[in-house]
Amino acid sequence: AIMAVINFFLSIPSTLLALVFAFYSPYKSFEVIAFIIALTSWPGFARSLRARLLSLRELDYIYLSRVSGLSNTRIVIEDMLPSLISYILIGFAGTVDDGILGEATLSLLGLQPQGEKIYSLGLMLQQAQGMGAIRMGVWWWFVPPGLIITLVCISLLLISTSLDEIFNPRLRKG
């Protein structure tokens, strides 16, 4: 049943689903945008985490823990969770990256909170677009926010890749 829900959410484009939720939401706040992004970004990670758990379940030391009489809860906490921490950290870096891009997309399309004195990079891009910065040649309105988004996303990708090299013994150089 859970995989059916995950497959349903994976079949719908997350940006489209976030746009529909943000458009029809009566409240426009950054908390609502964060909730919408969280609601639409979990299925991919949940499916890959399930695949990782299923592959861990078949390892020899898990069989030995079962044979020795350990409970399922203890096997998950003591044997499986330490193997998943690296995977969760790598997934977290990718999810933060998706969250930044999702907020920037929703704000760029005009679905940001109204009347608040809070600025975001997507809101800066939206205001630059609304004032015709490209047409007027005012590059300093849209290049710095776009560059910051790009650099943060690249840095999170590099962190994720380096964590994968640290925790994955097949990728270690040596």
N, C-alpha and C. Protein backbone atom coordinates (compact mmCIF):
# COMPACT_ATOMS: atom_id res chain seq x y z
N ALA A 1 0.83 -1.20 0.00
CA ALA A 1 0.00 0.00 0.00
C ALA A 1 0.87 1.26 0.00
N ILE A 2 1.95 1.22 0.79
CA ILE A 2 2.84 2.38 0.84
C ILE A 2 3.53 2.59 -0.50
N MET A 3 3.95 1.50 -1.15
CA MET A 3 4.60 1.63 -2.45
C MET A 3 3.61 2.15 -3.50
N ALA A 4 2.33 1.84 -3.38
CA ALA A 4 1.34 2.38 -4.31
C ALA A 4 1.23 3.89 -4.15
N VAL A 5 1.25 4.37 -2.90
CA VAL A 5 1.22 5.82 -2.66
C VAL A 5 2.48 6.47 -3.21
N ILE A 6 3.64 5.85 -2.98
CA ILE A 6 4.90 6.39 -3.48
C ILE A 6 4.89 6.43 -5.01
N ASN A 7 4.43 5.36 -5.64
CA ASN A 7 4.37 5.32 -7.11
C ASN A 7 3.40 6.35 -7.66
N PHE A 8 2.29 6.58 -6.94
CA PHE A 8 1.35 7.61 -7.37
C PHE A 8 2.01 8.98 -7.34
N PHE A 9 2.70 9.31 -6.25
CA PHE A 9 3.36 10.61 -6.16
C PHE A 9 4.51 10.73 -7.16
N LEU A 10 5.17 9.62 -7.48
CA LEU A 10 6.25 9.66 -8.47
C LEU A 10 5.72 9.86 -9.89
N SER A 11 4.47 9.44 -10.14
CA SER A 11 3.92 9.58 -11.48
C SER A 11 3.48 11.01 -11.79
N ILE A 12 3.31 11.83 -10.77
CA ILE A 12 2.92 13.22 -10.97
C ILE A 12 4.18 14.09 -10.88
N PRO A 13 4.42 14.98 -11.83
CA PRO A 13 5.58 15.86 -11.74
C PRO A 13 5.50 16.73 -10.47
N SER A 14 6.57 16.73 -9.70
CA SER A 14 6.54 17.40 -8.40
C SER A 14 6.38 18.91 -8.54
N THR A 15 6.95 19.49 -9.58
CA THR A 15 6.81 20.93 -9.77
C THR A 15 5.36 21.29 -10.08
N LEU A 16 4.71 20.48 -10.90
CA LEU A 16 3.31 20.72 -11.22
C LEU A 16 2.43 20.56 -9.98
N LEU A 17 2.69 19.54 -9.19
CA LEU A 17 1.93 19.33 -7.97
C LEU A 17 2.15 20.47 -6.98
N ALA A 18 3.39 20.94 -6.87
CA ALA A 18 3.69 22.07 -5.98
C ALA A 18 2.99 23.34 -6.46
N LEU A 19 2.95 23.55 -7.77
CA LEU A 19 2.25 24.72 -8.31
C LEU A 19 0.77 24.67 -8.01
N VAL A 20 0.16 23.51 -8.16
CA VAL A 20 -1.27 23.38 -7.88
C VAL A 20 -1.55 23.65 -6.41
N PHE A 21 -0.75 23.04 -5.52
CA PHE A 21 -0.94 23.26 -4.08
C PHE A 21 -0.73 24.72 -3.72
N ALA A 22 0.32 25.34 -4.27
CA ALA A 22 0.62 26.73 -3.92
C ALA A 22 -0.43 27.68 -4.47
N PHE A 23 -0.96 27.38 -5.66
CA PHE A 23 -1.95 28.25 -6.27
C PHE A 23 -3.27 28.24 -5.50
N TYR A 24 -3.69 27.05 -5.07
CA TYR A 24 -4.97 26.93 -4.40
C TYR A 24 -4.90 27.07 -2.88
N SER A 25 -3.70 27.26 -2.34
CA SER A 25 -3.58 27.43 -0.89
C SER A 25 -4.08 28.82 -0.49
N PRO A 26 -4.95 28.89 0.51
CA PRO A 26 -5.45 30.21 0.92
C PRO A 26 -4.39 31.03 1.66
N TYR A 27 -3.40 30.37 2.22
CA TYR A 27 -2.36 31.08 2.97
C TYR A 27 -1.06 31.04 2.18
N LYS A 28 -0.45 32.19 2.03
CA LYS A 28 0.83 32.28 1.34
C LYS A 28 1.88 32.67 2.37
N SER A 29 2.68 31.69 2.78
CA SER A 29 3.77 31.95 3.70
C SER A 29 4.91 31.00 3.35
N PHE A 30 6.08 31.29 3.90
CA PHE A 30 7.21 30.42 3.62
C PHE A 30 7.03 29.05 4.27
N GLU A 31 6.27 28.99 5.35
CA GLU A 31 5.99 27.69 5.96
C GLU A 31 5.13 26.83 5.04
N VAL A 32 4.16 27.46 4.38
CA VAL A 32 3.31 26.72 3.44
C VAL A 32 4.14 26.25 2.24
N ILE A 33 5.03 27.12 1.74
CA ILE A 33 5.90 26.73 0.63
C ILE A 33 6.81 25.59 1.05
N ALA A 34 7.36 25.65 2.26
CA ALA A 34 8.22 24.57 2.75
C ALA A 34 7.42 23.27 2.88
N PHE A 35 6.18 23.36 3.36
CA PHE A 35 5.33 22.17 3.47
C PHE A 35 5.03 21.59 2.10
N ILE A 36 4.76 22.44 1.12
CA ILE A 36 4.47 21.97 -0.24
C ILE A 36 5.68 21.28 -0.84
N ILE A 37 6.86 21.87 -0.64
CA ILE A 37 8.08 21.27 -1.18
C ILE A 37 8.36 19.94 -0.48
N ALA A 38 8.15 19.89 0.83
CA ALA A 38 8.36 18.63 1.56
C ALA A 38 7.35 17.57 1.11
N LEU A 39 6.13 17.98 0.84
CA LEU A 39 5.09 17.05 0.41
C LEU A 39 5.38 16.45 -0.96
N THR A 40 6.04 17.21 -1.82
CA THR A 40 6.28 16.73 -3.18
C THR A 40 7.68 16.15 -3.40
N SER A 41 8.58 16.23 -2.42
CA SER A 41 9.95 15.79 -2.68
C SER A 41 10.33 14.49 -1.98
N TRP A 42 9.47 13.91 -1.20
CA TRP A 42 9.83 12.71 -0.44
C TRP A 42 9.75 11.40 -1.21
N PRO A 43 8.91 11.23 -2.24
CA PRO A 43 8.73 9.89 -2.81
C PRO A 43 9.98 9.28 -3.45
N GLY A 44 10.78 10.06 -4.12
CA GLY A 44 11.98 9.51 -4.76
C GLY A 44 12.96 8.97 -3.74
N PHE A 45 13.16 9.73 -2.67
CA PHE A 45 14.07 9.29 -1.62
C PHE A 45 13.50 8.09 -0.88
N ALA A 46 12.19 8.05 -0.66
CA ALA A 46 11.57 6.92 0.03
C ALA A 46 11.73 5.64 -0.79
N ARG A 47 11.58 5.74 -2.09
CA ARG A 47 11.73 4.55 -2.93
C ARG A 47 13.16 4.05 -2.95
N SER A 48 14.12 4.97 -3.05
CA SER A 48 15.52 4.53 -3.05
C SER A 48 15.94 4.00 -1.67
N LEU A 49 15.39 4.57 -0.59
CA LEU A 49 15.69 4.07 0.75
C LEU A 49 15.11 2.67 0.93
N ARG A 50 13.94 2.43 0.40
CA ARG A 50 13.36 1.08 0.47
C ARG A 50 14.22 0.08 -0.29
N ALA A 51 14.71 0.47 -1.46
CA ALA A 51 15.58 -0.42 -2.23
C ALA A 51 16.87 -0.72 -1.46
N ARG A 52 17.41 0.29 -0.80
CA ARG A 52 18.62 0.09 0.00
C ARG A 52 18.35 -0.84 1.18
N LEU A 53 17.21 -0.68 1.84
CA LEU A 53 16.85 -1.56 2.95
C LEU A 53 16.66 -3.00 2.48
N LEU A 54 16.05 -3.18 1.32
CA LEU A 54 15.86 -4.53 0.80
C LEU A 54 17.20 -5.19 0.45
N SER A 55 18.15 -4.41 -0.04
CA SER A 55 19.46 -4.99 -0.33
C SER A 55 20.24 -5.28 0.96
N LEU A 56 20.08 -4.44 1.98
CA LEU A 56 20.73 -4.71 3.27
C LEU A 56 20.15 -5.96 3.93
N ARG A 57 18.88 -6.19 3.73
CA ARG A 57 18.21 -7.32 4.36
C ARG A 57 18.80 -8.65 3.93
N GLU A 58 19.41 -8.68 2.75
CA GLU A 58 19.95 -9.92 2.21
C GLU A 58 21.41 -10.16 2.59
N LEU A 59 22.03 -9.28 3.35
CA LEU A 59 23.44 -9.45 3.70
C LEU A 59 23.61 -10.50 4.79
N ASP A 60 24.83 -11.07 4.83
CA ASP A 60 25.10 -12.17 5.74
C ASP A 60 24.99 -11.78 7.20
N TYR A 61 25.47 -10.60 7.56
CA TYR A 61 25.44 -10.25 8.98
C TYR A 61 24.02 -10.00 9.48
N ILE A 62 23.10 -9.67 8.59
CA ILE A 62 21.70 -9.56 8.99
C ILE A 62 21.13 -10.95 9.25
N TYR A 63 21.48 -11.92 8.39
CA TYR A 63 21.06 -13.30 8.63
C TYR A 63 21.61 -13.82 9.96
N LEU A 64 22.87 -13.51 10.23
CA LEU A 64 23.47 -13.95 11.50
C LEU A 64 22.76 -13.33 12.70
N SER A 65 22.36 -12.08 12.57
CA SER A 65 21.62 -11.44 13.67
C SER A 65 20.27 -12.10 13.87
N ARG A 66 19.60 -12.49 12.79
CA ARG A 66 18.32 -13.19 12.90
C ARG A 66 18.49 -14.56 13.55
N VAL A 67 19.54 -15.27 13.11
CA VAL A 67 19.78 -16.60 13.64
C VAL A 67 20.13 -16.54 15.12
N SER A 68 20.83 -15.48 15.53
CA SER A 68 21.21 -15.36 16.94
C SER A 68 20.02 -14.98 17.82
N GLY A 69 18.89 -14.66 17.24
CA GLY A 69 17.68 -14.43 18.02
C GLY A 69 17.40 -12.97 18.34
N LEU A 70 18.06 -12.05 17.68
CA LEU A 70 17.79 -10.62 17.92
C LEU A 70 16.42 -10.25 17.36
N SER A 71 15.77 -9.31 18.01
CA SER A 71 14.46 -8.86 17.54
C SER A 71 14.64 -7.99 16.29
N ASN A 72 13.54 -7.84 15.56
CA ASN A 72 13.60 -7.03 14.34
C ASN A 72 13.98 -5.59 14.64
N THR A 73 13.47 -5.05 15.74
CA THR A 73 13.79 -3.67 16.12
C THR A 73 15.27 -3.52 16.40
N ARG A 74 15.83 -4.46 17.11
CA ARG A 74 17.27 -4.39 17.44
C ARG A 74 18.12 -4.56 16.18
N ILE A 75 17.70 -5.42 15.26
CA ILE A 75 18.44 -5.58 14.00
C ILE A 75 18.43 -4.29 13.22
N VAL A 76 17.26 -3.63 13.16
CA VAL A 76 17.17 -2.37 12.42
C VAL A 76 18.05 -1.30 13.05
N ILE A 77 17.99 -1.17 14.38
CA ILE A 77 18.73 -0.11 15.06
C ILE A 77 20.23 -0.38 15.07
N GLU A 78 20.63 -1.62 15.37
CA GLU A 78 22.05 -1.90 15.54
C GLU A 78 22.77 -2.28 14.26
N ASP A 79 22.09 -2.92 13.34
CA ASP A 79 22.77 -3.42 12.14
C ASP A 79 22.46 -2.61 10.89
N MET A 80 21.20 -2.25 10.69
CA MET A 80 20.83 -1.58 9.45
C MET A 80 21.02 -0.07 9.50
N LEU A 81 20.66 0.55 10.61
CA LEU A 81 20.73 2.02 10.70
C LEU A 81 22.15 2.57 10.50
N PRO A 82 23.19 1.96 11.09
CA PRO A 82 24.54 2.49 10.81
C PRO A 82 24.91 2.44 9.32
N SER A 83 24.40 1.45 8.61
CA SER A 83 24.68 1.36 7.17
C SER A 83 23.86 2.37 6.38
N LEU A 84 22.76 2.84 6.96
CA LEU A 84 21.89 3.79 6.25
C LEU A 84 22.25 5.24 6.51
N ILE A 85 23.02 5.53 7.55
CA ILE A 85 23.30 6.93 7.90
C ILE A 85 23.98 7.66 6.75
N SER A 86 24.95 7.03 6.13
CA SER A 86 25.62 7.69 5.00
C SER A 86 24.64 7.93 3.86
N TYR A 87 23.79 6.95 3.60
CA TYR A 87 22.80 7.07 2.54
C TYR A 87 21.81 8.20 2.83
N ILE A 88 21.42 8.32 4.10
CA ILE A 88 20.50 9.38 4.51
C ILE A 88 21.16 10.75 4.38
N LEU A 89 22.44 10.87 4.75
CA LEU A 89 23.15 12.15 4.60
C LEU A 89 23.25 12.57 3.14
N ILE A 90 23.55 11.61 2.28
CA ILE A 90 23.64 11.92 0.85
C ILE A 90 22.28 12.33 0.31
N GLY A 91 21.23 11.62 0.72
CA GLY A 91 19.88 11.98 0.31
C GLY A 91 19.45 13.33 0.85
N PHE A 92 19.89 13.66 2.07
CA PHE A 92 19.56 14.96 2.66
C PHE A 92 20.16 16.10 1.85
N ALA A 93 21.43 15.94 1.42
CA ALA A 93 22.06 16.99 0.61
C ALA A 93 21.29 17.18 -0.70
N GLY A 94 20.86 16.10 -1.31
CA GLY A 94 20.07 16.21 -2.54
C GLY A 94 18.69 16.81 -2.31
N THR A 95 18.09 16.50 -1.17
CA THR A 95 16.77 17.04 -0.86
C THR A 95 16.83 18.53 -0.56
N VAL A 96 17.88 18.98 0.12
CA VAL A 96 18.06 20.41 0.36
C VAL A 96 18.22 21.14 -0.97
N ASP A 97 18.97 20.55 -1.86
CA ASP A 97 19.15 21.10 -3.20
C ASP A 97 17.80 21.24 -3.91
N ASP A 98 16.98 20.21 -3.85
CA ASP A 98 15.64 20.26 -4.46
C ASP A 98 14.76 21.30 -3.78
N GLY A 99 14.90 21.44 -2.48
CA GLY A 99 14.11 22.44 -1.75
C GLY A 99 14.46 23.86 -2.15
N ILE A 100 15.75 24.13 -2.31
CA ILE A 100 16.18 25.47 -2.73
C ILE A 100 15.64 25.78 -4.12
N LEU A 101 15.78 24.83 -5.03
CA LEU A 101 15.28 25.03 -6.39
C LEU A 101 13.75 25.12 -6.42
N GLY A 102 13.08 24.36 -5.58
CA GLY A 102 11.62 24.42 -5.53
C GLY A 102 11.12 25.76 -5.03
N GLU A 103 11.75 26.28 -3.96
CA GLU A 103 11.36 27.60 -3.45
C GLU A 103 11.62 28.68 -4.48
N ALA A 104 12.77 28.61 -5.13
CA ALA A 104 13.09 29.61 -6.15
C ALA A 104 12.10 29.54 -7.31
N THR A 105 11.70 28.34 -7.69
CA THR A 105 10.73 28.18 -8.78
C THR A 105 9.38 28.75 -8.40
N LEU A 106 8.89 28.40 -7.20
CA LEU A 106 7.59 28.91 -6.77
C LEU A 106 7.59 30.42 -6.62
N SER A 107 8.68 30.97 -6.07
CA SER A 107 8.76 32.42 -5.92
C SER A 107 8.90 33.11 -7.27
N LEU A 108 9.67 32.51 -8.18
CA LEU A 108 9.84 33.09 -9.51
C LEU A 108 8.51 33.14 -10.27
N LEU A 109 7.66 32.17 -10.04
CA LEU A 109 6.36 32.14 -10.71
C LEU A 109 5.31 32.99 -10.01
N GLY A 110 5.70 33.67 -8.94
CA GLY A 110 4.79 34.60 -8.28
C GLY A 110 3.96 34.01 -7.18
N LEU A 111 4.31 32.85 -6.67
CA LEU A 111 3.53 32.21 -5.62
C LEU A 111 4.19 32.38 -4.25
N GLN A 112 4.92 33.46 -4.08
CA GLN A 112 5.59 33.74 -2.82
C GLN A 112 4.64 34.46 -1.87
N PRO A 113 4.99 34.51 -0.59
CA PRO A 113 4.14 35.22 0.37
C PRO A 113 4.04 36.71 0.03
N GLN A 114 2.87 37.27 0.20
CA GLN A 114 2.65 38.68 -0.10
C GLN A 114 2.68 39.49 1.19
N GLY A 115 3.28 40.66 1.14
CA GLY A 115 3.23 41.59 2.26
C GLY A 115 4.24 41.32 3.35
N GLU A 116 5.05 40.30 3.24
CA GLU A 116 6.07 40.04 4.25
C GLU A 116 7.36 40.73 3.84
N LYS A 117 8.16 41.11 4.80
CA LYS A 117 9.43 41.77 4.51
C LYS A 117 10.56 40.75 4.54
N ILE A 118 10.32 39.60 3.95
CA ILE A 118 11.31 38.54 3.86
C ILE A 118 11.64 38.37 2.38
N TYR A 119 12.93 38.28 2.08
CA TYR A 119 13.34 38.11 0.70
C TYR A 119 14.00 36.75 0.52
N SER A 120 13.85 36.24 -0.65
CA SER A 120 14.50 34.99 -1.02
C SER A 120 15.11 35.18 -2.41
N LEU A 121 15.93 34.24 -2.79
CA LEU A 121 16.58 34.34 -4.09
C LEU A 121 15.56 34.23 -5.23
N GLY A 122 14.56 33.39 -5.07
CA GLY A 122 13.51 33.29 -6.08
C GLY A 122 12.70 34.56 -6.20
N LEU A 123 12.44 35.21 -5.06
CA LEU A 123 11.71 36.48 -5.07
C LEU A 123 12.54 37.57 -5.76
N MET A 124 13.86 37.55 -5.54
CA MET A 124 14.72 38.52 -6.23
C MET A 124 14.70 38.30 -7.73
N LEU A 125 14.71 37.04 -8.15
CA LEU A 125 14.63 36.75 -9.58
C LEU A 125 13.28 37.15 -10.16
N GLN A 126 12.21 36.94 -9.39
CA GLN A 126 10.87 37.31 -9.85
C GLN A 126 10.75 38.82 -9.99
N GLN A 127 11.29 39.58 -9.03
CA GLN A 127 11.23 41.03 -9.12
C GLN A 127 12.08 41.55 -10.28
N ALA A 128 13.23 40.93 -10.52
CA ALA A 128 14.07 41.33 -11.65
C ALA A 128 13.34 41.05 -12.97
N GLN A 129 12.66 39.94 -13.05
CA GLN A 129 11.91 39.61 -14.26
C GLN A 129 10.74 40.58 -14.43
N GLY A 130 10.05 40.88 -13.34
CA GLY A 130 8.89 41.78 -13.41
C GLY A 130 9.26 43.20 -13.82
N MET A 131 10.44 43.62 -13.47
CA MET A 131 10.88 44.98 -13.81
C MET A 131 11.64 45.04 -15.13
N GLY A 132 11.74 43.93 -15.83
CA GLY A 132 12.38 43.92 -17.14
C GLY A 132 13.88 44.11 -17.09
N ALA A 133 14.54 43.44 -16.17
CA ALA A 133 15.98 43.61 -16.00
C ALA A 133 16.76 43.14 -17.22
N ILE A 134 16.33 42.08 -17.86
CA ILE A 134 17.05 41.59 -19.04
C ILE A 134 16.89 42.57 -20.19
N ARG A 135 15.69 43.08 -20.38
CA ARG A 135 15.43 44.02 -21.46
C ARG A 135 16.22 45.32 -21.27
N MET A 136 16.33 45.76 -20.00
CA MET A 136 17.04 47.01 -19.72
C MET A 136 18.55 46.80 -19.59
N GLY A 137 18.99 45.55 -19.56
CA GLY A 137 20.42 45.27 -19.46
C GLY A 137 20.98 45.45 -18.05
N VAL A 138 20.12 45.33 -17.05
CA VAL A 138 20.54 45.49 -15.66
C VAL A 138 20.87 44.10 -15.12
N TRP A 139 22.01 43.56 -15.48
CA TRP A 139 22.39 42.20 -15.16
C TRP A 139 22.59 41.97 -13.67
N TRP A 140 22.94 43.00 -12.91
CA TRP A 140 23.21 42.83 -11.48
C TRP A 140 21.95 42.59 -10.67
N TRP A 141 20.78 42.66 -11.31
CA TRP A 141 19.53 42.33 -10.62
C TRP A 141 19.28 40.82 -10.63
N PHE A 142 19.67 40.13 -11.70
CA PHE A 142 19.33 38.72 -11.80
C PHE A 142 20.54 37.78 -11.78
N VAL A 143 21.74 38.26 -12.11
CA VAL A 143 22.90 37.38 -12.11
C VAL A 143 23.31 36.94 -10.70
N PRO A 144 23.43 37.85 -9.71
CA PRO A 144 23.84 37.38 -8.38
C PRO A 144 22.90 36.36 -7.74
N PRO A 145 21.56 36.56 -7.74
CA PRO A 145 20.71 35.50 -7.17
C PRO A 145 20.82 34.17 -7.93
N GLY A 146 20.86 34.25 -9.25
CA GLY A 146 21.00 33.03 -10.04
C GLY A 146 22.33 32.34 -9.80
N LEU A 147 23.39 33.13 -9.66
CA LEU A 147 24.72 32.58 -9.40
C LEU A 147 24.77 31.94 -8.00
N ILE A 148 24.15 32.57 -7.02
CA ILE A 148 24.13 32.01 -5.66
C ILE A 148 23.37 30.68 -5.66
N ILE A 149 22.22 30.62 -6.32
CA ILE A 149 21.47 29.37 -6.39
C ILE A 149 22.32 28.29 -7.06
N THR A 150 22.97 28.64 -8.15
CA THR A 150 23.81 27.67 -8.87
C THR A 150 24.96 27.19 -8.01
N LEU A 151 25.66 28.11 -7.34
CA LEU A 151 26.82 27.73 -6.52
C LEU A 151 26.41 26.89 -5.32
N VAL A 152 25.29 27.21 -4.69
CA VAL A 152 24.84 26.42 -3.55
C VAL A 152 24.46 25.01 -4.02
N CYS A 153 23.77 24.90 -5.15
CA CYS A 153 23.38 23.59 -5.66
C CYS A 153 24.60 22.77 -6.06
N ILE A 154 25.59 23.40 -6.68
CA ILE A 154 26.82 22.69 -7.04
C ILE A 154 27.58 22.26 -5.79
N SER A 155 27.64 23.13 -4.78
CA SER A 155 28.35 22.76 -3.56
C SER A 155 27.66 21.60 -2.85
N LEU A 156 26.33 21.59 -2.82
CA LEU A 156 25.62 20.45 -2.21
C LEU A 156 25.84 19.17 -3.01
N LEU A 157 25.92 19.27 -4.33
CA LEU A 157 26.23 18.11 -5.15
C LEU A 157 27.63 17.60 -4.86
N LEU A 158 28.60 18.51 -4.71
CA LEU A 158 29.97 18.10 -4.39
C LEU A 158 30.05 17.48 -3.00
N ILE A 159 29.30 18.03 -2.04
CA ILE A 159 29.26 17.43 -0.69
C ILE A 159 28.68 16.03 -0.77
N SER A 160 27.60 15.87 -1.51
CA SER A 160 26.97 14.56 -1.67
C SER A 160 27.93 13.57 -2.33
N THR A 161 28.63 14.00 -3.35
CA THR A 161 29.58 13.13 -4.04
C THR A 161 30.74 12.74 -3.13
N SER A 162 31.24 13.71 -2.36
CA SER A 162 32.37 13.39 -1.47
C SER A 162 31.92 12.47 -0.33
N LEU A 163 30.70 12.66 0.19
CA LEU A 163 30.18 11.73 1.20
C LEU A 163 30.04 10.33 0.62
N ASP A 164 29.63 10.24 -0.63
CA ASP A 164 29.51 8.94 -1.28
C ASP A 164 30.88 8.29 -1.43
N GLU A 165 31.90 9.07 -1.76
CA GLU A 165 33.25 8.52 -1.87
C GLU A 165 33.79 8.08 -0.51
N ILE A 166 33.44 8.80 0.55
CA ILE A 166 33.90 8.44 1.88
C ILE A 166 33.25 7.16 2.37
N PHE A 167 31.94 7.05 2.20
CA PHE A 167 31.21 5.92 2.77
C PHE A 167 31.12 4.70 1.88
N ASN A 168 31.34 4.85 0.58
CA ASN A 168 31.24 3.72 -0.34
C ASN A 168 32.63 3.15 -0.57
N PRO A 169 32.90 1.95 -0.11
CA PRO A 169 34.25 1.41 -0.23
C PRO A 169 34.68 1.17 -1.68
N ARG A 170 33.72 0.98 -2.59
CA ARG A 170 34.09 0.75 -3.99
C ARG A 170 34.60 2.03 -4.66
N LEU A 171 34.27 3.19 -4.12
CA LEU A 171 34.69 4.45 -4.73
C LEU A 171 35.95 5.03 -4.09
N ARG A 172 36.42 4.44 -3.01
CA ARG A 172 37.59 4.97 -2.34
C ARG A 172 38.82 4.83 -3.21
N LYS A 173 39.64 5.86 -3.19
CA LYS A 173 40.91 5.83 -3.93
C LYS A 173 41.98 5.34 -2.97
N GLY A 174 42.81 4.48 -3.42
CA GLY A 174 43.82 4.04 -2.46
C GLY A 174 44.53 2.88 -2.91
